[in-house]
Full PDB file with SEQRES, HELIX, SHEET, SSBOND, CRYST1, ORIGX, SCALE, CONECT and MASTER records, all heavy atoms in Angstrom:
SEQRES   1 A   36  GLU VAL MET GLN ALA SER CYS SER VAL LEU TRP SER THR          
SEQRES   2 A   36  ALA ALA MET ALA ALA MET LEU LEU GLY TRP ARG ARG ALA          
SEQRES   3 A   36  ASN ARG ARG ALA TRP LEU ALA GLY ALA ALA                      
HELIX    1 AA1 VAL A    2  ARG A   24  1                                  23    
HELIX    2 AA2 ARG A   28  ALA A   35  1                                   8    
CRYST1    1.000    1.000    1.000  90.00  90.00  90.00 P 1           1          
ORIGX1      1.000000  0.000000  0.000000        0.00000                         
ORIGX2      0.000000  1.000000  0.000000        0.00000                         
ORIGX3      0.000000  0.000000  1.000000        0.00000                         
SCALE1      1.000000  0.000000  0.000000        0.00000                         
SCALE2      0.000000  1.000000  0.000000        0.00000                         
SCALE3      0.000000  0.000000  1.000000        0.00000                         
ATOM      1  N   GLU A   1       6.079 -16.862 -18.080  1.00  0.00           N  
ATOM      2  CA  GLU A   1       6.739 -15.783 -18.818  1.00  0.00           C  
ATOM      3  C   GLU A   1       5.980 -14.474 -18.666  1.00  0.00           C  
ATOM      4  O   GLU A   1       6.578 -13.406 -18.557  1.00  0.00           O  
ATOM      5  CB  GLU A   1       6.846 -16.162 -20.287  1.00  0.00           C  
ATOM      6  CG  GLU A   1       7.702 -17.373 -20.529  1.00  0.00           C  
ATOM      7  CD  GLU A   1       7.585 -17.891 -21.945  1.00  0.00           C  
ATOM      8  OE1 GLU A   1       6.768 -17.359 -22.726  1.00  0.00           O  
ATOM      9  OE2 GLU A   1       8.325 -18.821 -22.270  1.00  0.00           O  
ATOM     10  N   VAL A   2       4.669 -14.560 -18.652  1.00  0.00           N  
ATOM     11  CA  VAL A   2       3.852 -13.351 -18.511  1.00  0.00           C  
ATOM     12  C   VAL A   2       4.062 -12.720 -17.142  1.00  0.00           C  
ATOM     13  O   VAL A   2       4.185 -11.494 -17.026  1.00  0.00           O  
ATOM     14  CB  VAL A   2       2.353 -13.687 -18.740  1.00  0.00           C  
ATOM     15  CG1 VAL A   2       1.484 -12.486 -18.464  1.00  0.00           C  
ATOM     16  CG2 VAL A   2       2.142 -14.201 -20.151  1.00  0.00           C  
ATOM     17  N   MET A   3       4.152 -13.523 -16.106  1.00  0.00           N  
ATOM     18  CA  MET A   3       4.378 -13.001 -14.761  1.00  0.00           C  
ATOM     19  C   MET A   3       5.744 -12.335 -14.664  1.00  0.00           C  
ATOM     20  O   MET A   3       5.877 -11.250 -14.081  1.00  0.00           O  
ATOM     21  CB  MET A   3       4.249 -14.122 -13.721  1.00  0.00           C  
ATOM     22  CG  MET A   3       4.462 -13.683 -12.306  1.00  0.00           C  
ATOM     23  SD  MET A   3       3.185 -12.537 -11.774  1.00  0.00           S  
ATOM     24  CE  MET A   3       3.771 -12.136 -10.159  1.00  0.00           C  
ATOM     25  N   GLN A   4       6.760 -12.965 -15.221  1.00  0.00           N  
ATOM     26  CA  GLN A   4       8.098 -12.393 -15.155  1.00  0.00           C  
ATOM     27  C   GLN A   4       8.174 -11.071 -15.910  1.00  0.00           C  
ATOM     28  O   GLN A   4       8.768 -10.107 -15.426  1.00  0.00           O  
ATOM     29  CB  GLN A   4       9.130 -13.384 -15.705  1.00  0.00           C  
ATOM     30  CG  GLN A   4       9.327 -14.599 -14.834  1.00  0.00           C  
ATOM     31  CD  GLN A   4       9.817 -14.256 -13.444  1.00  0.00           C  
ATOM     32  OE1 GLN A   4      10.515 -13.286 -13.220  1.00  0.00           O  
ATOM     33  NE2 GLN A   4       9.431 -15.085 -12.486  1.00  0.00           N  
ATOM     34  N   ALA A   5       7.586 -11.022 -17.086  1.00  0.00           N  
ATOM     35  CA  ALA A   5       7.581  -9.778 -17.860  1.00  0.00           C  
ATOM     36  C   ALA A   5       6.788  -8.692 -17.135  1.00  0.00           C  
ATOM     37  O   ALA A   5       7.210  -7.532 -17.087  1.00  0.00           O  
ATOM     38  CB  ALA A   5       7.000 -10.024 -19.249  1.00  0.00           C  
ATOM     39  N   SER A   6       5.662  -9.067 -16.557  1.00  0.00           N  
ATOM     40  CA  SER A   6       4.842  -8.100 -15.824  1.00  0.00           C  
ATOM     41  C   SER A   6       5.569  -7.569 -14.600  1.00  0.00           C  
ATOM     42  O   SER A   6       5.490  -6.374 -14.295  1.00  0.00           O  
ATOM     43  CB  SER A   6       3.520  -8.736 -15.408  1.00  0.00           C  
ATOM     44  OG  SER A   6       2.802  -9.169 -16.533  1.00  0.00           O  
ATOM     45  N   CYS A   7       6.276  -8.440 -13.899  1.00  0.00           N  
ATOM     46  CA  CYS A   7       7.061  -8.002 -12.738  1.00  0.00           C  
ATOM     47  C   CYS A   7       8.135  -7.003 -13.150  1.00  0.00           C  
ATOM     48  O   CYS A   7       8.357  -5.999 -12.466  1.00  0.00           O  
ATOM     49  CB  CYS A   7       7.708  -9.194 -12.037  1.00  0.00           C  
ATOM     50  SG  CYS A   7       6.630 -10.067 -10.922  1.00  0.00           S  
ATOM     51  N   SER A   8       8.805  -7.281 -14.250  1.00  0.00           N  
ATOM     52  CA  SER A   8       9.856  -6.366 -14.713  1.00  0.00           C  
ATOM     53  C   SER A   8       9.293  -4.987 -15.003  1.00  0.00           C  
ATOM     54  O   SER A   8       9.867  -3.970 -14.601  1.00  0.00           O  
ATOM     55  CB  SER A   8      10.528  -6.925 -15.964  1.00  0.00           C  
ATOM     56  OG  SER A   8      11.209  -8.115 -15.683  1.00  0.00           O  
ATOM     57  N   VAL A   9       8.172  -4.938 -15.682  1.00  0.00           N  
ATOM     58  CA  VAL A   9       7.576  -3.645 -16.014  1.00  0.00           C  
ATOM     59  C   VAL A   9       7.030  -2.961 -14.761  1.00  0.00           C  
ATOM     60  O   VAL A   9       7.206  -1.751 -14.573  1.00  0.00           O  
ATOM     61  CB  VAL A   9       6.490  -3.808 -17.095  1.00  0.00           C  
ATOM     62  CG1 VAL A   9       5.744  -2.522 -17.332  1.00  0.00           C  
ATOM     63  CG2 VAL A   9       7.113  -4.317 -18.391  1.00  0.00           C  
ATOM     64  N   LEU A  10       6.384  -3.715 -13.881  1.00  0.00           N  
ATOM     65  CA  LEU A  10       5.858  -3.136 -12.638  1.00  0.00           C  
ATOM     66  C   LEU A  10       6.983  -2.580 -11.779  1.00  0.00           C  
ATOM     67  O   LEU A  10       6.896  -1.459 -11.269  1.00  0.00           O  
ATOM     68  CB  LEU A  10       5.062  -4.180 -11.847  1.00  0.00           C  
ATOM     69  CG  LEU A  10       4.591  -3.732 -10.459  1.00  0.00           C  
ATOM     70  CD1 LEU A  10       3.473  -2.709 -10.597  1.00  0.00           C  
ATOM     71  CD2 LEU A  10       4.137  -4.912  -9.635  1.00  0.00           C  
ATOM     72  N   TRP A  11       8.040  -3.340 -11.613  1.00  0.00           N  
ATOM     73  CA  TRP A  11       9.155  -2.888 -10.788  1.00  0.00           C  
ATOM     74  C   TRP A  11       9.846  -1.681 -11.404  1.00  0.00           C  
ATOM     75  O   TRP A  11      10.275  -0.772 -10.695  1.00  0.00           O  
ATOM     76  CB  TRP A  11      10.150  -4.017 -10.559  1.00  0.00           C  
ATOM     77  CG  TRP A  11       9.619  -5.163  -9.771  1.00  0.00           C  
ATOM     78  CD1 TRP A  11       8.386  -5.295  -9.213  1.00  0.00           C  
ATOM     79  CD2 TRP A  11      10.314  -6.367  -9.462  1.00  0.00           C  
ATOM     80  NE1 TRP A  11       8.272  -6.502  -8.583  1.00  0.00           N  
ATOM     81  CE2 TRP A  11       9.447  -7.182  -8.717  1.00  0.00           C  
ATOM     82  CE3 TRP A  11      11.579  -6.847  -9.761  1.00  0.00           C  
ATOM     83  CZ2 TRP A  11       9.811  -8.436  -8.255  1.00  0.00           C  
ATOM     84  CZ3 TRP A  11      11.949  -8.097  -9.297  1.00  0.00           C  
ATOM     85  CH2 TRP A  11      11.076  -8.878  -8.547  1.00  0.00           C  
ATOM     86  N   SER A  12       9.962  -1.653 -12.728  1.00  0.00           N  
ATOM     87  CA  SER A  12      10.559  -0.492 -13.385  1.00  0.00           C  
ATOM     88  C   SER A  12       9.684   0.743 -13.211  1.00  0.00           C  
ATOM     89  O   SER A  12      10.189   1.848 -13.015  1.00  0.00           O  
ATOM     90  CB  SER A  12      10.753  -0.765 -14.868  1.00  0.00           C  
ATOM     91  OG  SER A  12      11.663  -1.800 -15.063  1.00  0.00           O  
ATOM     92  N   THR A  13       8.384   0.560 -13.278  1.00  0.00           N  
ATOM     93  CA  THR A  13       7.466   1.678 -13.063  1.00  0.00           C  
ATOM     94  C   THR A  13       7.563   2.186 -11.626  1.00  0.00           C  
ATOM     95  O   THR A  13       7.549   3.398 -11.388  1.00  0.00           O  
ATOM     96  CB  THR A  13       6.027   1.249 -13.387  1.00  0.00           C  
ATOM     97  OG1 THR A  13       5.990   0.741 -14.726  1.00  0.00           O  
ATOM     98  CG2 THR A  13       5.063   2.402 -13.255  1.00  0.00           C  
ATOM     99  N   ALA A  14       7.683   1.272 -10.671  1.00  0.00           N  
ATOM    100  CA  ALA A  14       7.846   1.675  -9.271  1.00  0.00           C  
ATOM    101  C   ALA A  14       9.175   2.403  -9.078  1.00  0.00           C  
ATOM    102  O   ALA A  14       9.247   3.399  -8.334  1.00  0.00           O  
ATOM    103  CB  ALA A  14       7.768   0.456  -8.360  1.00  0.00           C  
ATOM    104  N   ALA A  15      10.227   1.926  -9.737  1.00  0.00           N  
ATOM    105  CA  ALA A  15      11.526   2.598  -9.652  1.00  0.00           C  
ATOM    106  C   ALA A  15      11.433   4.001 -10.237  1.00  0.00           C  
ATOM    107  O   ALA A  15      11.979   4.957  -9.677  1.00  0.00           O  
ATOM    108  CB  ALA A  15      12.590   1.781 -10.375  1.00  0.00           C  
ATOM    109  N   MET A  16      10.738   4.132 -11.368  1.00  0.00           N  
ATOM    110  CA  MET A  16      10.579   5.446 -11.981  1.00  0.00           C  
ATOM    111  C   MET A  16       9.783   6.377 -11.069  1.00  0.00           C  
ATOM    112  O   MET A  16      10.125   7.556 -10.929  1.00  0.00           O  
ATOM    113  CB  MET A  16       9.881   5.331 -13.333  1.00  0.00           C  
ATOM    114  CG  MET A  16       9.796   6.661 -14.051  1.00  0.00           C  
ATOM    115  SD  MET A  16       9.146   6.569 -15.708  1.00  0.00           S  
ATOM    116  CE  MET A  16       7.434   6.252 -15.398  1.00  0.00           C  
ATOM    117  N   ALA A  17       8.755   5.862 -10.434  1.00  0.00           N  
ATOM    118  CA  ALA A  17       7.964   6.692  -9.516  1.00  0.00           C  
ATOM    119  C   ALA A  17       8.818   7.166  -8.343  1.00  0.00           C  
ATOM    120  O   ALA A  17       8.751   8.341  -7.949  1.00  0.00           O  
ATOM    121  CB  ALA A  17       6.747   5.914  -9.019  1.00  0.00           C  
ATOM    122  N   ALA A  18       9.635   6.270  -7.782  1.00  0.00           N  
ATOM    123  CA  ALA A  18      10.489   6.650  -6.661  1.00  0.00           C  
ATOM    124  C   ALA A  18      11.544   7.668  -7.092  1.00  0.00           C  
ATOM    125  O   ALA A  18      11.829   8.630  -6.365  1.00  0.00           O  
ATOM    126  CB  ALA A  18      11.161   5.414  -6.074  1.00  0.00           C  
ATOM    127  N   MET A  19      12.115   7.468  -8.268  1.00  0.00           N  
ATOM    128  CA  MET A  19      13.134   8.408  -8.746  1.00  0.00           C  
ATOM    129  C   MET A  19      12.526   9.765  -9.078  1.00  0.00           C  
ATOM    130  O   MET A  19      13.125  10.806  -8.784  1.00  0.00           O  
ATOM    131  CB  MET A  19      13.850   7.813  -9.956  1.00  0.00           C  
ATOM    132  CG  MET A  19      14.712   6.618  -9.597  1.00  0.00           C  
ATOM    133  SD  MET A  19      15.402   5.785 -11.025  1.00  0.00           S  
ATOM    134  CE  MET A  19      16.688   6.925 -11.482  1.00  0.00           C  
ATOM    135  N   LEU A  20      11.347   9.773  -9.651  1.00  0.00           N  
ATOM    136  CA  LEU A  20      10.681  11.035  -9.959  1.00  0.00           C  
ATOM    137  C   LEU A  20      10.290  11.772  -8.680  1.00  0.00           C  
ATOM    138  O   LEU A  20      10.482  12.975  -8.564  1.00  0.00           O  
ATOM    139  CB  LEU A  20       9.450  10.780 -10.826  1.00  0.00           C  
ATOM    140  CG  LEU A  20       8.722  12.002 -11.358  1.00  0.00           C  
ATOM    141  CD1 LEU A  20       9.648  12.822 -12.248  1.00  0.00           C  
ATOM    142  CD2 LEU A  20       7.489  11.592 -12.132  1.00  0.00           C  
ATOM    143  N   LEU A  21       9.774  11.026  -7.720  1.00  0.00           N  
ATOM    144  CA  LEU A  21       9.421  11.626  -6.435  1.00  0.00           C  
ATOM    145  C   LEU A  21      10.662  12.183  -5.746  1.00  0.00           C  
ATOM    146  O   LEU A  21      10.641  13.290  -5.196  1.00  0.00           O  
ATOM    147  CB  LEU A  21       8.742  10.584  -5.536  1.00  0.00           C  
ATOM    148  CG  LEU A  21       8.282  11.060  -4.170  1.00  0.00           C  
ATOM    149  CD1 LEU A  21       7.064  11.959  -4.333  1.00  0.00           C  
ATOM    150  CD2 LEU A  21       7.949   9.888  -3.288  1.00  0.00           C  
ATOM    151  N   GLY A  22      11.753  11.417  -5.776  1.00  0.00           N  
ATOM    152  CA  GLY A  22      12.994  11.885  -5.170  1.00  0.00           C  
ATOM    153  C   GLY A  22      13.534  13.128  -5.852  1.00  0.00           C  
ATOM    154  O   GLY A  22      14.048  14.039  -5.195  1.00  0.00           O  
ATOM    155  N   TRP A  23      13.427  13.178  -7.178  1.00  0.00           N  
ATOM    156  CA  TRP A  23      13.910  14.354  -7.902  1.00  0.00           C  
ATOM    157  C   TRP A  23      13.037  15.570  -7.615  1.00  0.00           C  
ATOM    158  O   TRP A  23      13.542  16.669  -7.389  1.00  0.00           O  
ATOM    159  CB  TRP A  23      13.943  14.050  -9.398  1.00  0.00           C  
ATOM    160  CG  TRP A  23      14.317  15.237 -10.210  1.00  0.00           C  
ATOM    161  CD1 TRP A  23      15.550  15.823 -10.266  1.00  0.00           C  
ATOM    162  CD2 TRP A  23      13.470  15.991 -11.061  1.00  0.00           C  
ATOM    163  NE1 TRP A  23      15.508  16.903 -11.114  1.00  0.00           N  
ATOM    164  CE2 TRP A  23      14.242  17.021 -11.625  1.00  0.00           C  
ATOM    165  CE3 TRP A  23      12.120  15.883 -11.412  1.00  0.00           C  
ATOM    166  CZ2 TRP A  23      13.711  17.948 -12.507  1.00  0.00           C  
ATOM    167  CZ3 TRP A  23      11.607  16.802 -12.303  1.00  0.00           C  
ATOM    168  CH2 TRP A  23      12.396  17.812 -12.835  1.00  0.00           C  
ATOM    169  N   ARG A  24      11.713  15.384  -7.626  1.00  0.00           N  
ATOM    170  CA  ARG A  24      10.794  16.514  -7.393  1.00  0.00           C  
ATOM    171  C   ARG A  24      10.948  17.096  -5.994  1.00  0.00           C  
ATOM    172  O   ARG A  24      10.830  18.303  -5.800  1.00  0.00           O  
ATOM    173  CB  ARG A  24       9.350  16.070  -7.581  1.00  0.00           C  
ATOM    174  CG  ARG A  24       9.025  15.690  -8.983  1.00  0.00           C  
ATOM    175  CD  ARG A  24       8.128  16.726  -9.551  1.00  0.00           C  
ATOM    176  NE  ARG A  24       7.712  16.285 -10.886  1.00  0.00           N  
ATOM    177  CZ  ARG A  24       7.534  17.111 -11.866  1.00  0.00           C  
ATOM    178  NH1 ARG A  24       7.696  18.388 -11.673  1.00  0.00           N  
ATOM    179  NH2 ARG A  24       7.173  16.673 -13.044  1.00  0.00           N  
ATOM    180  N   ARG A  25      11.163  16.225  -5.016  1.00  0.00           N  
ATOM    181  CA  ARG A  25      11.275  16.687  -3.630  1.00  0.00           C  
ATOM    182  C   ARG A  25      12.716  16.890  -3.188  1.00  0.00           C  
ATOM    183  O   ARG A  25      12.963  17.149  -2.017  1.00  0.00           O  
ATOM    184  CB  ARG A  25      10.592  15.685  -2.699  1.00  0.00           C  
ATOM    185  CG  ARG A  25       9.104  15.611  -2.936  1.00  0.00           C  
ATOM    186  CD  ARG A  25       8.440  14.740  -1.935  1.00  0.00           C  
ATOM    187  NE  ARG A  25       7.009  14.700  -2.179  1.00  0.00           N  
ATOM    188  CZ  ARG A  25       6.167  13.971  -1.482  1.00  0.00           C  
ATOM    189  NH1 ARG A  25       6.615  13.191  -0.509  1.00  0.00           N  
ATOM    190  NH2 ARG A  25       4.886  13.989  -1.761  1.00  0.00           N  
ATOM    191  N   ALA A  26      13.660  16.725  -4.112  1.00  0.00           N  
ATOM    192  CA  ALA A  26      15.095  16.828  -3.826  1.00  0.00           C  
ATOM    193  C   ALA A  26      15.493  15.884  -2.695  1.00  0.00           C  
ATOM    194  O   ALA A  26      16.249  16.228  -1.802  1.00  0.00           O  
ATOM    195  CB  ALA A  26      15.484  18.271  -3.509  1.00  0.00           C  
ATOM    196  N   ASN A  27      14.957  14.686  -2.738  1.00  0.00           N  
ATOM    197  CA  ASN A  27      15.229  13.665  -1.727  1.00  0.00           C  
ATOM    198  C   ASN A  27      16.101  12.583  -2.363  1.00  0.00           C  
ATOM    199  O   ASN A  27      15.628  11.748  -3.130  1.00  0.00           O  
ATOM    200  CB  ASN A  27      13.912  13.071  -1.231  1.00  0.00           C  
ATOM    201  CG  ASN A  27      14.100  12.073  -0.124  1.00  0.00           C  
ATOM    202  OD1 ASN A  27      15.209  11.637   0.162  1.00  0.00           O  
ATOM    203  ND2 ASN A  27      13.002  11.718   0.514  1.00  0.00           N  
ATOM    204  N   ARG A  28      17.381  12.618  -2.047  1.00  0.00           N  
ATOM    205  CA  ARG A  28      18.317  11.673  -2.656  1.00  0.00           C  
ATOM    206  C   ARG A  28      18.045  10.238  -2.229  1.00  0.00           C  
ATOM    207  O   ARG A  28      18.281   9.321  -3.000  1.00  0.00           O  
ATOM    208  CB  ARG A  28      19.747  12.038  -2.274  1.00  0.00           C  
ATOM    209  CG  ARG A  28      20.380  12.884  -3.320  1.00  0.00           C  
ATOM    210  CD  ARG A  28      21.836  12.962  -3.122  1.00  0.00           C  
ATOM    211  NE  ARG A  28      22.382  13.177  -4.457  1.00  0.00           N  
ATOM    212  CZ  ARG A  28      23.634  13.284  -4.727  1.00  0.00           C  
ATOM    213  NH1 ARG A  28      24.506  13.171  -3.770  1.00  0.00           N  
ATOM    214  NH2 ARG A  28      24.034  13.481  -5.946  1.00  0.00           N  
ATOM    215  N   ARG A  29      17.590  10.027  -1.019  1.00  0.00           N  
ATOM    216  CA  ARG A  29      17.329   8.657  -0.550  1.00  0.00           C  
ATOM    217  C   ARG A  29      16.249   7.976  -1.380  1.00  0.00           C  
ATOM    218  O   ARG A  29      16.378   6.820  -1.755  1.00  0.00           O  
ATOM    219  CB  ARG A  29      16.954   8.648   0.917  1.00  0.00           C  
ATOM    220  CG  ARG A  29      18.121   8.883   1.810  1.00  0.00           C  
ATOM    221  CD  ARG A  29      17.723   8.708   3.243  1.00  0.00           C  
ATOM    222  NE  ARG A  29      18.867   8.979   4.077  1.00  0.00           N  
ATOM    223  CZ  ARG A  29      19.064   8.447   5.241  1.00  0.00           C  
ATOM    224  NH1 ARG A  29      18.177   7.615   5.729  1.00  0.00           N  
ATOM    225  NH2 ARG A  29      20.139   8.739   5.934  1.00  0.00           N  
ATOM    226  N   ALA A  30      15.172   8.693  -1.657  1.00  0.00           N  
ATOM    227  CA  ALA A  30      14.103   8.119  -2.478  1.00  0.00           C  
ATOM    228  C   ALA A  30      14.612   7.855  -3.886  1.00  0.00           C  
ATOM    229  O   ALA A  30      14.305   6.816  -4.483  1.00  0.00           O  
ATOM    230  CB  ALA A  30      12.895   9.067  -2.513  1.00  0.00           C  
ATOM    231  N   TRP A  31      15.403   8.783  -4.425  1.00  0.00           N  
ATOM    232  CA  TRP A  31      15.945   8.596  -5.769  1.00  0.00           C  
ATOM    233  C   TRP A  31      16.871   7.384  -5.808  1.00  0.00           C  
ATOM    234  O   TRP A  31      16.809   6.585  -6.738  1.00  0.00           O  
ATOM    235  CB  TRP A  31      16.696   9.859  -6.197  1.00  0.00           C  
ATOM    236  CG  TRP A  31      17.048   9.868  -7.644  1.00  0.00           C  
ATOM    237  CD1 TRP A  31      16.309  10.412  -8.641  1.00  0.00           C  
ATOM    238  CD2 TRP A  31      18.201   9.296  -8.258  1.00  0.00           C  
ATOM    239  NE1 TRP A  31      16.944  10.215  -9.843  1.00  0.00           N  
ATOM    240  CE2 TRP A  31      18.110   9.534  -9.640  1.00  0.00           C  
ATOM    241  CE3 TRP A  31      19.310   8.610  -7.783  1.00  0.00           C  
ATOM    242  CZ2 TRP A  31      19.082   9.115 -10.535  1.00  0.00           C  
ATOM    243  CZ3 TRP A  31      20.279   8.183  -8.672  1.00  0.00           C  
ATOM    244  CH2 TRP A  31      20.157   8.437 -10.034  1.00  0.00           C  
ATOM    245  N   LEU A  32      17.727   7.245  -4.803  1.00  0.00           N  
ATOM    246  CA  LEU A  32      18.651   6.108  -4.755  1.00  0.00           C  
ATOM    247  C   LEU A  32      17.920   4.790  -4.530  1.00  0.00           C  
ATOM    248  O   LEU A  32      18.343   3.753  -5.039  1.00  0.00           O  
ATOM    249  CB  LEU A  32      19.714   6.332  -3.680  1.00  0.00           C  
ATOM    250  CG  LEU A  32      20.735   7.424  -4.010  1.00  0.00           C  
ATOM    251  CD1 LEU A  32      21.634   7.691  -2.810  1.00  0.00           C  
ATOM    252  CD2 LEU A  32      21.552   7.062  -5.231  1.00  0.00           C  
ATOM    253  N   ALA A  33      16.820   4.813  -3.789  1.00  0.00           N  
ATOM    254  CA  ALA A  33      16.011   3.596  -3.627  1.00  0.00           C  
ATOM    255  C   ALA A  33      15.429   3.173  -4.974  1.00  0.00           C  
ATOM    256  O   ALA A  33      15.418   1.986  -5.318  1.00  0.00           O  
ATOM    257  CB  ALA A  33      14.903   3.833  -2.611  1.00  0.00           C  
ATOM    258  N   GLY A  34      14.962   4.134  -5.750  1.00  0.00           N  
ATOM    259  CA  GLY A  34      14.465   3.830  -7.088  1.00  0.00           C  
ATOM    260  C   GLY A  34      15.570   3.304  -7.989  1.00  0.00           C  
ATOM    261  O   GLY A  34      15.369   2.367  -8.762  1.00  0.00           O  
ATOM    262  N   ALA A  35      16.757   3.890  -7.890  1.00  0.00           N  
ATOM    263  CA  ALA A  35      17.888   3.423  -8.697  1.00  0.00           C  
ATOM    264  C   ALA A  35      18.293   2.008  -8.293  1.00  0.00           C  
ATOM    265  O   ALA A  35      18.645   1.187  -9.149  1.00  0.00           O  
ATOM    266  CB  ALA A  35      19.066   4.380  -8.548  1.00  0.00           C  
ATOM    267  N   ALA A  36      18.241   1.700  -7.005  1.00  0.00           N  
ATOM    268  CA  ALA A  36      18.561   0.342  -6.547  1.00  0.00           C  
ATOM    269  C   ALA A  36      17.531  -0.661  -7.064  1.00  0.00           C  
ATOM    270  O   ALA A  36      17.895  -1.769  -7.497  1.00  0.00           O  
ATOM    271  CB  ALA A  36      18.627   0.306  -5.022  1.00  0.00           C  
TER     272      ALA A  36                                                      
MASTER        0    0    0    2    0    0    0    6  271    1    0    3          
END                                                                             
């Protein structure tokens, strides 16, 4: 259970980083990768 919860939070943090990077650089592909 700890691994599954940790994966969810890690993956969400990675998605947020990709979406933030995509928004800051106006790169839709990076933002959409984070959304996916």
